[in-house]
Full PDB file with SEQRES, HELIX, SHEET, SSBOND, CRYST1, ORIGX, SCALE, CONECT and MASTER records, all heavy atoms in Angstrom:
SEQRES   1 A   30  GLY HIS GLN LEU SER PRO GLN LEU LYS GLU PHE GLN ILE          
SEQRES   2 A   30  ARG HIS LYS LYS HIS LEU HIS GLU ARG THR GLU LYS LEU          
SEQRES   3 A   30  LEU GLU ASN LYS                                              
HELIX    1 AA1 PRO A    6  THR A   23  1                                  18    
CRYST1    1.000    1.000    1.000  90.00  90.00  90.00 P 1           1          
ORIGX1      1.000000  0.000000  0.000000        0.00000                         
ORIGX2      0.000000  1.000000  0.000000        0.00000                         
ORIGX3      0.000000  0.000000  1.000000        0.00000                         
SCALE1      1.000000  0.000000  0.000000        0.00000                         
SCALE2      0.000000  1.000000  0.000000        0.00000                         
SCALE3      0.000000  0.000000  1.000000        0.00000                         
ATOM      1  N   GLY A   1      53.792 119.223  27.016  1.00  0.00           N  
ATOM      2  CA  GLY A   1      53.187 118.175  27.830  1.00  0.00           C  
ATOM      3  C   GLY A   1      51.771 118.498  28.272  1.00  0.00           C  
ATOM      4  O   GLY A   1      51.202 119.523  27.903  1.00  0.00           O  
ATOM      5  N   HIS A   2      51.202 117.599  29.075  1.00  0.00           N  
ATOM      6  CA  HIS A   2      49.838 117.744  29.582  1.00  0.00           C  
ATOM      7  C   HIS A   2      49.821 118.543  30.881  1.00  0.00           C  
ATOM      8  O   HIS A   2      50.808 118.562  31.625  1.00  0.00           O  
ATOM      9  CB  HIS A   2      49.220 116.363  29.862  1.00  0.00           C  
ATOM     10  CG  HIS A   2      49.063 115.507  28.648  1.00  0.00           C  
ATOM     11  ND1 HIS A   2      47.988 115.591  27.795  1.00  0.00           N  
ATOM     12  CD2 HIS A   2      49.869 114.536  28.136  1.00  0.00           C  
ATOM     13  CE1 HIS A   2      48.119 114.711  26.819  1.00  0.00           C  
ATOM     14  NE2 HIS A   2      49.243 114.056  27.005  1.00  0.00           N  
ATOM     15  N   GLN A   3      48.692 119.142  31.146  1.00  0.00           N  
ATOM     16  CA  GLN A   3      48.484 119.786  32.447  1.00  0.00           C  
ATOM     17  C   GLN A   3      48.261 118.693  33.485  1.00  0.00           C  
ATOM     18  O   GLN A   3      47.411 117.831  33.301  1.00  0.00           O  
ATOM     19  CB  GLN A   3      47.262 120.702  32.400  1.00  0.00           C  
ATOM     20  CG  GLN A   3      47.514 122.042  31.712  1.00  0.00           C  
ATOM     21  CD  GLN A   3      48.350 122.975  32.571  1.00  0.00           C  
ATOM     22  OE1 GLN A   3      49.538 123.149  32.305  1.00  0.00           O  
ATOM     23  NE2 GLN A   3      47.770 123.532  33.601  1.00  0.00           N  
ATOM     24  N   LEU A   4      48.988 118.741  34.585  1.00  0.00           N  
ATOM     25  CA  LEU A   4      48.846 117.740  35.645  1.00  0.00           C  
ATOM     26  C   LEU A   4      48.394 118.409  36.931  1.00  0.00           C  
ATOM     27  O   LEU A   4      48.662 119.599  37.159  1.00  0.00           O  
ATOM     28  CB  LEU A   4      50.181 117.026  35.886  1.00  0.00           C  
ATOM     29  CG  LEU A   4      50.779 116.233  34.724  1.00  0.00           C  
ATOM     30  CD1 LEU A   4      52.134 115.655  35.125  1.00  0.00           C  
ATOM     31  CD2 LEU A   4      49.848 115.121  34.277  1.00  0.00           C  
ATOM     32  N   SER A   5      47.735 117.627  37.773  1.00  0.00           N  
ATOM     33  CA  SER A   5      47.365 118.139  39.092  1.00  0.00           C  
ATOM     34  C   SER A   5      48.639 118.401  39.893  1.00  0.00           C  
ATOM     35  O   SER A   5      49.687 117.805  39.601  1.00  0.00           O  
ATOM     36  CB  SER A   5      46.487 117.119  39.822  1.00  0.00           C  
ATOM     37  OG  SER A   5      47.259 115.962  40.147  1.00  0.00           O  
ATOM     38  N   PRO A   6      48.594 119.278  40.887  1.00  0.00           N  
ATOM     39  CA  PRO A   6      49.793 119.554  41.698  1.00  0.00           C  
ATOM     40  C   PRO A   6      50.414 118.289  42.290  1.00  0.00           C  
ATOM     41  O   PRO A   6      51.628 118.154  42.348  1.00  0.00           O  
ATOM     42  CB  PRO A   6      49.273 120.493  42.793  1.00  0.00           C  
ATOM     43  CG  PRO A   6      48.080 121.156  42.177  1.00  0.00           C  
ATOM     44  CD  PRO A   6      47.460 120.116  41.296  1.00  0.00           C  
ATOM     45  N   GLN A   7      49.535 117.339  42.714  1.00  0.00           N  
ATOM     46  CA  GLN A   7      50.049 116.098  43.313  1.00  0.00           C  
ATOM     47  C   GLN A   7      50.810 115.257  42.285  1.00  0.00           C  
ATOM     48  O   GLN A   7      51.921 114.778  42.544  1.00  0.00           O  
ATOM     49  CB  GLN A   7      48.887 115.262  43.895  1.00  0.00           C  
ATOM     50  CG  GLN A   7      48.181 115.902  45.069  1.00  0.00           C  
ATOM     51  CD  GLN A   7      47.064 116.849  44.633  1.00  0.00           C  
ATOM     52  OE1 GLN A   7      46.902 117.135  43.437  1.00  0.00           O  
ATOM     53  NE2 GLN A   7      46.302 117.325  45.608  1.00  0.00           N  
ATOM     54  N   LEU A   8      50.182 115.106  41.083  1.00  0.00           N  
ATOM     55  CA  LEU A   8      50.846 114.312  40.040  1.00  0.00           C  
ATOM     56  C   LEU A   8      52.119 114.993  39.559  1.00  0.00           C  
ATOM     57  O   LEU A   8      53.114 114.335  39.270  1.00  0.00           O  
ATOM     58  CB  LEU A   8      49.901 114.092  38.862  1.00  0.00           C  
ATOM     59  CG  LEU A   8      48.969 112.876  38.911  1.00  0.00           C  
ATOM     60  CD1 LEU A   8      48.173 112.769  37.635  1.00  0.00           C  
ATOM     61  CD2 LEU A   8      49.757 111.596  39.145  1.00  0.00           C  
ATOM     62  N   LYS A   9      52.095 116.323  39.477  1.00  0.00           N  
ATOM     63  CA  LYS A   9      53.275 117.065  39.049  1.00  0.00           C  
ATOM     64  C   LYS A   9      54.428 116.833  40.006  1.00  0.00           C  
ATOM     65  O   LYS A   9      55.587 116.655  39.595  1.00  0.00           O  
ATOM     66  CB  LYS A   9      52.944 118.566  38.954  1.00  0.00           C  
ATOM     67  CG  LYS A   9      54.055 119.400  38.328  1.00  0.00           C  
ATOM     68  CD  LYS A   9      54.262 119.031  36.864  1.00  0.00           C  
ATOM     69  CE  LYS A   9      55.407 119.802  36.233  1.00  0.00           C  
ATOM     70  NZ  LYS A   9      55.662 119.376  34.845  1.00  0.00           N  
ATOM     71  N   GLU A  10      54.134 116.806  41.275  1.00  0.00           N  
ATOM     72  CA  GLU A  10      55.160 116.562  42.295  1.00  0.00           C  
ATOM     73  C   GLU A  10      55.793 115.180  42.104  1.00  0.00           C  
ATOM     74  O   GLU A  10      57.016 115.022  42.182  1.00  0.00           O  
ATOM     75  CB  GLU A  10      54.522 116.672  43.682  1.00  0.00           C  
ATOM     76  CG  GLU A  10      55.484 116.486  44.831  1.00  0.00           C  
ATOM     77  CD  GLU A  10      54.775 116.508  46.179  1.00  0.00           C  
ATOM     78  OE1 GLU A  10      53.692 117.113  46.282  1.00  0.00           O  
ATOM     79  OE2 GLU A  10      55.303 115.891  47.128  1.00  0.00           O  
ATOM     80  N   PHE A  11      54.954 114.179  41.809  1.00  0.00           N  
ATOM     81  CA  PHE A  11      55.469 112.818  41.615  1.00  0.00           C  
ATOM     82  C   PHE A  11      56.216 112.708  40.274  1.00  0.00           C  
ATOM     83  O   PHE A  11      57.174 111.946  40.164  1.00  0.00           O  
ATOM     84  CB  PHE A  11      54.327 111.803  41.679  1.00  0.00           C  
ATOM     85  CG  PHE A  11      54.004 111.372  43.087  1.00  0.00           C  
ATOM     86  CD1 PHE A  11      53.247 112.183  43.914  1.00  0.00           C  
ATOM     87  CD2 PHE A  11      54.485 110.170  43.593  1.00  0.00           C  
ATOM     88  CE1 PHE A  11      52.958 111.809  45.209  1.00  0.00           C  
ATOM     89  CE2 PHE A  11      54.203 109.777  44.895  1.00  0.00           C  
ATOM     90  CZ  PHE A  11      53.437 110.599  45.707  1.00  0.00           C  
ATOM     91  N   GLN A  12      55.764 113.457  39.279  1.00  0.00           N  
ATOM     92  CA  GLN A  12      56.467 113.443  37.998  1.00  0.00           C  
ATOM     93  C   GLN A  12      57.879 114.001  38.153  1.00  0.00           C  
ATOM     94  O   GLN A  12      58.848 113.449  37.611  1.00  0.00           O  
ATOM     95  CB  GLN A  12      55.702 114.270  36.953  1.00  0.00           C  
ATOM     96  CG  GLN A  12      56.310 114.191  35.560  1.00  0.00           C  
ATOM     97  CD  GLN A  12      55.806 115.292  34.641  1.00  0.00           C  
ATOM     98  OE1 GLN A  12      55.954 116.468  34.949  1.00  0.00           O  
ATOM     99  NE2 GLN A  12      55.214 114.904  33.520  1.00  0.00           N  
ATOM    100  N   ILE A  13      58.016 115.090  38.917  1.00  0.00           N  
ATOM    101  CA  ILE A  13      59.338 115.694  39.162  1.00  0.00           C  
ATOM    102  C   ILE A  13      60.244 114.700  39.884  1.00  0.00           C  
ATOM    103  O   ILE A  13      61.423 114.536  39.543  1.00  0.00           O  
ATOM    104  CB  ILE A  13      59.187 116.997  39.988  1.00  0.00           C  
ATOM    105  CG1 ILE A  13      58.508 118.077  39.128  1.00  0.00           C  
ATOM    106  CG2 ILE A  13      60.544 117.489  40.482  1.00  0.00           C  
ATOM    107  CD1 ILE A  13      58.081 119.312  39.904  1.00  0.00           C  
ATOM    108  N   ARG A  14      59.676 114.003  40.866  1.00  0.00           N  
ATOM    109  CA  ARG A  14      60.461 113.002  41.611  1.00  0.00           C  
ATOM    110  C   ARG A  14      60.881 111.862  40.695  1.00  0.00           C  
ATOM    111  O   ARG A  14      62.019 111.375  40.753  1.00  0.00           O  
ATOM    112  CB  ARG A  14      59.615 112.487  42.770  1.00  0.00           C  
ATOM    113  CG  ARG A  14      60.354 111.552  43.710  1.00  0.00           C  
ATOM    114  CD  ARG A  14      59.466 111.191  44.882  1.00  0.00           C  
ATOM    115  NE  ARG A  14      60.112 110.220  45.752  1.00  0.00           N  
ATOM    116  CZ  ARG A  14      59.527 109.667  46.827  1.00  0.00           C  
ATOM    117  NH1 ARG A  14      58.291 110.030  47.147  1.00  0.00           N  
ATOM    118  NH2 ARG A  14      60.174 108.794  47.563  1.00  0.00           N  
ATOM    119  N   HIS A  15      59.963 111.451  39.838  1.00  0.00           N  
ATOM    120  CA  HIS A  15      60.234 110.356  38.900  1.00  0.00           C  
ATOM    121  C   HIS A  15      61.328 110.759  37.904  1.00  0.00           C  
ATOM    122  O   HIS A  15      62.241 109.975  37.608  1.00  0.00           O  
ATOM    123  CB  HIS A  15      58.941 110.001  38.164  1.00  0.00           C  
ATOM    124  CG  HIS A  15      59.049 108.822  37.248  1.00  0.00           C  
ATOM    125  ND1 HIS A  15      59.480 107.584  37.671  1.00  0.00           N  
ATOM    126  CD2 HIS A  15      58.779 108.701  35.905  1.00  0.00           C  
ATOM    127  CE1 HIS A  15      59.469 106.735  36.652  1.00  0.00           C  
ATOM    128  NE2 HIS A  15      59.061 107.396  35.574  1.00  0.00           N  
ATOM    129  N   LYS A  16      61.254 111.971  37.389  1.00  0.00           N  
ATOM    130  CA  LYS A  16      62.270 112.453  36.445  1.00  0.00           C  
ATOM    131  C   LYS A  16      63.643 112.532  37.109  1.00  0.00           C  
ATOM    132  O   LYS A  16      64.663 112.234  36.473  1.00  0.00           O  
ATOM    133  CB  LYS A  16      61.863 113.821  35.881  1.00  0.00           C  
ATOM    134  CG  LYS A  16      60.763 113.743  34.826  1.00  0.00           C  
ATOM    135  CD  LYS A  16      60.581 115.076  34.103  1.00  0.00           C  
ATOM    136  CE  LYS A  16      59.631 114.910  32.916  1.00  0.00           C  
ATOM    137  NZ  LYS A  16      59.516 116.121  32.083  1.00  0.00           N  
ATOM    138  N   LYS A  17      63.661 112.921  38.362  1.00  0.00           N  
ATOM    139  CA  LYS A  17      64.936 113.002  39.092  1.00  0.00           C  
ATOM    140  C   LYS A  17      65.561 111.607  39.201  1.00  0.00           C  
ATOM    141  O   LYS A  17      66.767 111.418  38.994  1.00  0.00           O  
ATOM    142  CB  LYS A  17      64.704 113.598  40.477  1.00  0.00           C  
ATOM    143  CG  LYS A  17      65.976 113.809  41.294  1.00  0.00           C  
ATOM    144  CD  LYS A  17      65.653 114.529  42.607  1.00  0.00           C  
ATOM    145  CE  LYS A  17      66.932 114.815  43.410  1.00  0.00           C  
ATOM    146  NZ  LYS A  17      67.586 113.607  43.892  1.00  0.00           N  
ATOM    147  N   HIS A  18      64.720 110.618  39.506  1.00  0.00           N  
ATOM    148  CA  HIS A  18      65.190 109.236  39.628  1.00  0.00           C  
ATOM    149  C   HIS A  18      65.736 108.736  38.273  1.00  0.00           C  
ATOM    150  O   HIS A  18      66.823 108.146  38.212  1.00  0.00           O  
ATOM    151  CB  HIS A  18      64.045 108.339  40.089  1.00  0.00           C  
ATOM    152  CG  HIS A  18      64.369 106.874  40.053  1.00  0.00           C  
ATOM    153  ND1 HIS A  18      65.111 106.242  41.026  1.00  0.00           N  
ATOM    154  CD2 HIS A  18      64.061 105.917  39.124  1.00  0.00           C  
ATOM    155  CE1 HIS A  18      65.250 104.969  40.711  1.00  0.00           C  
ATOM    156  NE2 HIS A  18      64.618 104.738  39.570  1.00  0.00           N  
ATOM    157  N   LEU A  19      64.983 108.980  37.193  1.00  0.00           N  
ATOM    158  CA  LEU A  19      65.413 108.514  35.870  1.00  0.00           C  
ATOM    159  C   LEU A  19      66.663 109.259  35.398  1.00  0.00           C  
ATOM    160  O   LEU A  19      67.504 108.683  34.706  1.00  0.00           O  
ATOM    161  CB  LEU A  19      64.285 108.695  34.848  1.00  0.00           C  
ATOM    162  CG  LEU A  19      63.097 107.746  34.986  1.00  0.00           C  
ATOM    163  CD1 LEU A  19      62.034 108.065  33.946  1.00  0.00           C  
ATOM    164  CD2 LEU A  19      63.524 106.284  34.846  1.00  0.00           C  
ATOM    165  N   HIS A  20      66.787 110.523  35.783  1.00  0.00           N  
ATOM    166  CA  HIS A  20      67.981 111.285  35.407  1.00  0.00           C  
ATOM    167  C   HIS A  20      69.231 110.645  36.009  1.00  0.00           C  
ATOM    168  O   HIS A  20      70.262 110.509  35.337  1.00  0.00           O  
ATOM    169  CB  HIS A  20      67.848 112.731  35.880  1.00  0.00           C  
ATOM    170  CG  HIS A  20      69.060 113.565  35.599  1.00  0.00           C  
ATOM    171  ND1 HIS A  20      69.411 113.960  34.331  1.00  0.00           N  
ATOM    172  CD2 HIS A  20      70.031 114.039  36.411  1.00  0.00           C  
ATOM    173  CE1 HIS A  20      70.526 114.660  34.374  1.00  0.00           C  
ATOM    174  NE2 HIS A  20      70.932 114.726  35.633  1.00  0.00           N  
ATOM    175  N   GLU A  21      69.131 110.232  37.258  1.00  0.00           N  
ATOM    176  CA  GLU A  21      70.270 109.587  37.925  1.00  0.00           C  
ATOM    177  C   GLU A  21      70.619 108.268  37.250  1.00  0.00           C  
ATOM    178  O   GLU A  21      71.786 107.869  37.206  1.00  0.00           O  
ATOM    179  CB  GLU A  21      69.933 109.365  39.405  1.00  0.00           C  
ATOM    180  CG  GLU A  21      69.856 110.671  40.198  1.00  0.00           C  
ATOM    181  CD  GLU A  21      69.251 110.485  41.581  1.00  0.00           C  
ATOM    182  OE1 GLU A  21      68.843 109.324  41.911  1.00  0.00           O  
ATOM    183  OE2 GLU A  21      69.170 111.470  42.334  1.00  0.00           O  
ATOM    184  N   ARG A  22      69.615 107.587  36.703  1.00  0.00           N  
ATOM    185  CA  ARG A  22      69.846 106.289  36.045  1.00  0.00           C  
ATOM    186  C   ARG A  22      70.393 106.426  34.632  1.00  0.00           C  
ATOM    187  O   ARG A  22      71.029 105.507  34.120  1.00  0.00           O  
ATOM    188  CB  ARG A  22      68.532 105.497  35.973  1.00  0.00           C  
ATOM    189  CG  ARG A  22      68.116 104.843  37.278  1.00  0.00           C  
ATOM    190  CD  ARG A  22      66.920 103.946  37.047  1.00  0.00           C  
ATOM    191  NE  ARG A  22      67.211 102.866  36.095  1.00  0.00           N  
ATOM    192  CZ  ARG A  22      66.286 102.075  35.565  1.00  0.00           C  
ATOM    193  NH1 ARG A  22      65.018 102.254  35.866  1.00  0.00           N  
ATOM    194  NH2 ARG A  22      66.621 101.115  34.731  1.00  0.00           N  
ATOM    195  N   THR A  23      70.140 107.550  33.987  1.00  0.00           N  
ATOM    196  CA  THR A  23      70.466 107.653  32.556  1.00  0.00           C  
ATOM    197  C   THR A  23      71.493 108.733  32.209  1.00  0.00           C  
ATOM    198  O   THR A  23      71.871 108.857  31.041  1.00  0.00           O  
ATOM    199  CB  THR A  23      69.183 107.938  31.734  1.00  0.00           C  
ATOM    200  OG1 THR A  23      68.603 109.184  32.167  1.00  0.00           O  
ATOM    201  CG2 THR A  23      68.176 106.824  31.901  1.00  0.00           C  
ATOM    202  N   GLU A  24      71.949 109.514  33.199  1.00  0.00           N  
ATOM    203  CA  GLU A  24      72.838 110.637  32.856  1.00  0.00           C  
ATOM    204  C   GLU A  24      74.221 110.177  32.402  1.00  0.00           C  
ATOM    205  O   GLU A  24      74.927 110.908  31.711  1.00  0.00           O  
ATOM    206  CB  GLU A  24      72.973 111.598  34.046  1.00  0.00           C  
ATOM    207  CG  GLU A  24      73.662 110.993  35.266  1.00  0.00           C  
ATOM    208  CD  GLU A  24      73.824 111.999  36.388  1.00  0.00           C  
ATOM    209  OE1 GLU A  24      73.935 113.202  36.089  1.00  0.00           O  
ATOM    210  OE2 GLU A  24      73.848 111.571  37.559  1.00  0.00           O  
ATOM    211  N   LYS A  25      74.621 108.961  32.787  1.00  0.00           N  
ATOM    212  CA  LYS A  25      75.941 108.450  32.403  1.00  0.00           C  
ATOM    213  C   LYS A  25      75.814 107.376  31.334  1.00  0.00           C  
ATOM    214  O   LYS A  25      74.908 106.538  31.373  1.00  0.00           O  
ATOM    215  CB  LYS A  25      76.659 107.859  33.625  1.00  0.00           C  
ATOM    216  CG  LYS A  25      76.966 108.871  34.732  1.00  0.00           C  
ATOM    217  CD  LYS A  25      78.074 109.824  34.322  1.00  0.00           C  
ATOM    218  CE  LYS A  25      78.472 110.725  35.493  1.00  0.00           C  
ATOM    219  NZ  LYS A  25      79.549 111.660  35.139  1.00  0.00           N  
ATOM    220  N   LEU A  26      76.726 107.409  30.385  1.00  0.00           N  
ATOM    221  CA  LEU A  26      76.773 106.408  29.317  1.00  0.00           C  
ATOM    222  C   LEU A  26      77.906 105.437  29.625  1.00  0.00           C  
ATOM    223  O   LEU A  26      79.066 105.841  29.731  1.00  0.00           O  
ATOM    224  CB  LEU A  26      77.016 107.092  27.977  1.00  0.00           C  
ATOM    225  CG  LEU A  26      77.003 106.243  26.715  1.00  0.00           C  
ATOM    226  CD1 LEU A  26      75.656 105.539  26.560  1.00  0.00           C  
ATOM    227  CD2 LEU A  26      77.281 107.094  25.490  1.00  0.00           C  
ATOM    228  N   LEU A  27      77.570 104.172  29.802  1.00  0.00           N  
ATOM    229  CA  LEU A  27      78.561 103.157  30.132  1.00  0.00           C  
ATOM    230  C   LEU A  27      79.274 102.709  28.870  1.00  0.00           C  
ATOM    231  O   LEU A  27      78.648 102.353  27.874  1.00  0.00           O  
ATOM    232  CB  LEU A  27      77.891 101.956  30.807  1.00  0.00           C  
ATOM    233  CG  LEU A  27      78.822 100.869  31.347  1.00  0.00           C  
ATOM    234  CD1 LEU A  27      79.629 101.395  32.535  1.00  0.00           C  
ATOM    235  CD2 LEU A  27      78.027  99.637  31.750  1.00  0.00           C  
ATOM    236  N   GLU A  28      80.594 102.758  28.891  1.00  0.00           N  
ATOM    237  CA  GLU A  28      81.388 102.312  27.742  1.00  0.00           C  
ATOM    238  C   GLU A  28      81.774 100.857  27.948  1.00  0.00           C  
ATOM    239  O   GLU A  28      82.566 100.521  28.827  1.00  0.00           O  
ATOM    240  CB  GLU A  28      82.647 103.167  27.587  1.00  0.00           C  
ATOM    241  CG  GLU A  28      83.438 102.833  26.334  1.00  0.00           C  
ATOM    242  CD  GLU A  28      84.660 103.735  26.164  1.00  0.00           C  
ATOM    243  OE1 GLU A  28      85.673 103.460  26.843  1.00  0.00           O  
ATOM    244  OE2 GLU A  28      84.580 104.701  25.401  1.00  0.00           O  
ATOM    245  N   ASN A  29      81.187  99.974  27.153  1.00  0.00           N  
ATOM    246  CA  ASN A  29      81.471  98.546  27.265  1.00  0.00           C  
ATOM    247  C   ASN A  29      82.814  98.217  26.629  1.00  0.00           C  
ATOM    248  O   ASN A  29      83.124  98.672  25.534  1.00  0.00           O  
ATOM    249  CB  ASN A  29      80.364  97.734  26.584  1.00  0.00           C  
ATOM    250  CG  ASN A  29      79.044  97.876  27.294  1.00  0.00           C  
ATOM    251  OD1 ASN A  29      78.977  97.742  28.506  1.00  0.00           O  
ATOM    252  ND2 ASN A  29      77.994  98.172  26.547  1.00  0.00           N  
ATOM    253  N   LYS A  30      83.596  97.422  27.321  1.00  0.00           N  
ATOM    254  CA  LYS A  30      84.899  97.007  26.799  1.00  0.00           C  
ATOM    255  C   LYS A  30      84.774  95.672  26.077  1.00  0.00           C  
ATOM    256  O   LYS A  30      83.931  94.838  26.426  1.00  0.00           O  
ATOM    257  CB  LYS A  30      85.912  96.877  27.950  1.00  0.00           C  
ATOM    258  CG  LYS A  30      86.134  98.177  28.723  1.00  0.00           C  
ATOM    259  CD  LYS A  30      86.725  99.252  27.836  1.00  0.00           C  
ATOM    260  CE  LYS A  30      86.926 100.554  28.608  1.00  0.00           C  
ATOM    261  NZ  LYS A  30      87.437 101.636  27.757  1.00  0.00           N  
TER     262      LYS A  30                                                      
MASTER        0    0    0    1    0    0    0    6  261    1    0    3          
END                                                                             
């Protein structure tokens, strides 16, 4: 990846945490 400023890196980590919660489970459609 790219080098990010400390501020942007902090927001990237927060963003990844949010997306992880949204995508970690696979919904099985019936």
